[in-house]
Amino acid sequence: METTKFNQAQQHILQMMSYIKTPEALQELEQVLSDYFARKVDEEIFESYANE
């Protein structure tokens, strides 16, 4: 069986996950992450159109 090595960002996320104690807290974190990545996509799209 091959072991997986986590990078620094992955390790940090795993450490933060230890604070998730309820399903509601997990759902809130999922929403925050979803919003963050949606905003990043929007920014990239905006930059793409601005550079045309």
N, C-alpha and C. Protein backbone atom coordinates (compact mmCIF):
# COMPACT_ATOMS: atom_id res chain seq x y z
N MET A 1 0.83 -1.18 0.00
CA MET A 1 0.00 0.00 0.00
C MET A 1 0.87 1.24 0.00
N GLU A 2 0.56 2.17 -0.88
CA GLU A 2 1.35 3.39 -1.02
C GLU A 2 0.85 4.46 -0.04
N THR A 3 1.78 5.16 0.58
CA THR A 3 1.38 6.23 1.50
C THR A 3 1.22 7.54 0.74
N THR A 4 0.37 8.39 1.28
CA THR A 4 0.12 9.70 0.68
C THR A 4 0.81 10.76 1.50
N LYS A 5 1.54 11.63 0.83
CA LYS A 5 2.17 12.76 1.51
C LYS A 5 1.36 14.00 1.22
N PHE A 6 0.96 14.68 2.28
CA PHE A 6 0.18 15.89 2.13
C PHE A 6 1.10 17.10 2.07
N ASN A 7 0.71 18.07 1.23
CA ASN A 7 1.49 19.31 1.19
C ASN A 7 1.09 20.19 2.38
N GLN A 8 1.76 21.31 2.52
CA GLN A 8 1.54 22.17 3.68
C GLN A 8 0.09 22.66 3.77
N ALA A 9 -0.50 23.03 2.65
CA ALA A 9 -1.88 23.52 2.65
C ALA A 9 -2.84 22.40 3.08
N GLN A 10 -2.63 21.20 2.58
CA GLN A 10 -3.49 20.07 2.94
C GLN A 10 -3.37 19.75 4.43
N GLN A 11 -2.17 19.81 4.95
CA GLN A 11 -1.96 19.56 6.38
C GLN A 11 -2.69 20.59 7.22
N HIS A 12 -2.63 21.83 6.78
CA HIS A 12 -3.29 22.92 7.52
C HIS A 12 -4.81 22.72 7.53
N ILE A 13 -5.37 22.35 6.39
CA ILE A 13 -6.81 22.10 6.31
C ILE A 13 -7.20 20.94 7.23
N LEU A 14 -6.41 19.89 7.24
CA LEU A 14 -6.70 18.76 8.12
C LEU A 14 -6.67 19.16 9.59
N GLN A 15 -5.71 20.00 9.96
CA GLN A 15 -5.64 20.48 11.34
C GLN A 15 -6.87 21.31 11.68
N MET A 16 -7.31 22.16 10.77
CA MET A 16 -8.49 22.98 11.02
C MET A 16 -9.75 22.13 11.14
N MET A 17 -9.79 21.01 10.43
CA MET A 17 -10.96 20.15 10.46
C MET A 17 -11.20 19.57 11.86
N SER A 18 -10.20 19.55 12.69
CA SER A 18 -10.38 19.03 14.05
C SER A 18 -11.33 19.91 14.86
N TYR A 19 -11.57 21.14 14.41
CA TYR A 19 -12.49 22.04 15.11
C TYR A 19 -13.95 21.83 14.69
N ILE A 20 -14.18 21.04 13.66
CA ILE A 20 -15.53 20.76 13.19
C ILE A 20 -16.13 19.70 14.11
N LYS A 21 -17.13 20.11 14.88
CA LYS A 21 -17.73 19.20 15.87
C LYS A 21 -19.17 18.82 15.55
N THR A 22 -19.82 19.55 14.64
CA THR A 22 -21.22 19.27 14.35
C THR A 22 -21.45 19.22 12.83
N PRO A 23 -22.51 18.57 12.41
CA PRO A 23 -22.84 18.58 10.98
C PRO A 23 -23.10 20.00 10.46
N GLU A 24 -23.64 20.84 11.33
CA GLU A 24 -23.91 22.22 10.93
C GLU A 24 -22.62 22.99 10.67
N ALA A 25 -21.62 22.76 11.50
CA ALA A 25 -20.33 23.41 11.31
C ALA A 25 -19.67 22.93 10.02
N LEU A 26 -19.80 21.66 9.72
CA LEU A 26 -19.25 21.12 8.47
C LEU A 26 -19.96 21.75 7.28
N GLN A 27 -21.27 21.86 7.36
CA GLN A 27 -22.04 22.46 6.28
C GLN A 27 -21.65 23.92 6.08
N GLU A 28 -21.43 24.63 7.17
CA GLU A 28 -21.01 26.03 7.09
C GLU A 28 -19.63 26.14 6.41
N LEU A 29 -18.72 25.27 6.78
CA LEU A 29 -17.40 25.28 6.17
C LEU A 29 -17.49 24.96 4.68
N GLU A 30 -18.30 23.99 4.33
CA GLU A 30 -18.48 23.64 2.92
C GLU A 30 -19.00 24.84 2.13
N GLN A 31 -19.92 25.61 2.72
CA GLN A 31 -20.47 26.78 2.05
C GLN A 31 -19.41 27.86 1.87
N VAL A 32 -18.60 28.06 2.89
CA VAL A 32 -17.52 29.06 2.81
C VAL A 32 -16.54 28.69 1.71
N LEU A 33 -16.15 27.42 1.65
CA LEU A 33 -15.22 26.97 0.61
C LEU A 33 -15.84 27.09 -0.78
N SER A 34 -17.10 26.73 -0.89
CA SER A 34 -17.79 26.83 -2.17
C SER A 34 -17.85 28.28 -2.64
N ASP A 35 -18.19 29.18 -1.73
CA ASP A 35 -18.24 30.61 -2.06
C ASP A 35 -16.87 31.13 -2.49
N TYR A 36 -15.84 30.70 -1.79
CA TYR A 36 -14.48 31.13 -2.11
C TYR A 36 -14.10 30.73 -3.54
N PHE A 37 -14.31 29.45 -3.87
CA PHE A 37 -13.91 28.99 -5.19
C PHE A 37 -14.79 29.57 -6.29
N ALA A 38 -16.06 29.82 -6.01
CA ALA A 38 -16.93 30.46 -6.99
C ALA A 38 -16.45 31.89 -7.25
N ARG A 39 -16.03 32.58 -6.21
CA ARG A 39 -15.50 33.94 -6.37
C ARG A 39 -14.22 33.93 -7.20
N LYS A 40 -13.37 32.94 -6.97
CA LYS A 40 -12.13 32.84 -7.75
C LYS A 40 -12.42 32.62 -9.23
N VAL A 41 -13.40 31.79 -9.54
CA VAL A 41 -13.78 31.57 -10.94
C VAL A 41 -14.30 32.87 -11.54
N ASP A 42 -15.15 33.57 -10.81
CA ASP A 42 -15.67 34.85 -11.29
C ASP A 42 -14.55 35.83 -11.58
N GLU A 43 -13.55 35.88 -10.69
CA GLU A 43 -12.42 36.80 -10.89
C GLU A 43 -11.64 36.43 -12.14
N GLU A 44 -11.43 35.14 -12.37
CA GLU A 44 -10.70 34.71 -13.56
C GLU A 44 -11.47 35.04 -14.83
N ILE A 45 -12.77 34.86 -14.81
CA ILE A 45 -13.60 35.19 -15.97
C ILE A 45 -13.54 36.69 -16.23
N PHE A 46 -13.65 37.49 -15.18
CA PHE A 46 -13.59 38.94 -15.33
C PHE A 46 -12.25 39.36 -15.92
N GLU A 47 -11.16 38.79 -15.40
CA GLU A 47 -9.81 39.11 -15.91
C GLU A 47 -9.69 38.72 -17.37
N SER A 48 -10.24 37.58 -17.73
CA SER A 48 -10.17 37.11 -19.11
C SER A 48 -10.84 38.09 -20.06
N TYR A 49 -12.01 38.58 -19.68
CA TYR A 49 -12.72 39.55 -20.54
C TYR A 49 -12.01 40.91 -20.52
N ALA A 50 -11.44 41.29 -19.41
CA ALA A 50 -10.77 42.59 -19.30
C ALA A 50 -9.51 42.63 -20.15
N ASN A 51 -8.88 41.48 -20.36
CA ASN A 51 -7.63 41.42 -21.13
C ASN A 51 -7.85 41.25 -22.63
N GLU A 52 -9.08 41.22 -23.07
CA GLU A 52 -9.34 41.06 -24.51
C GLU A 52 -9.20 42.37 -25.23
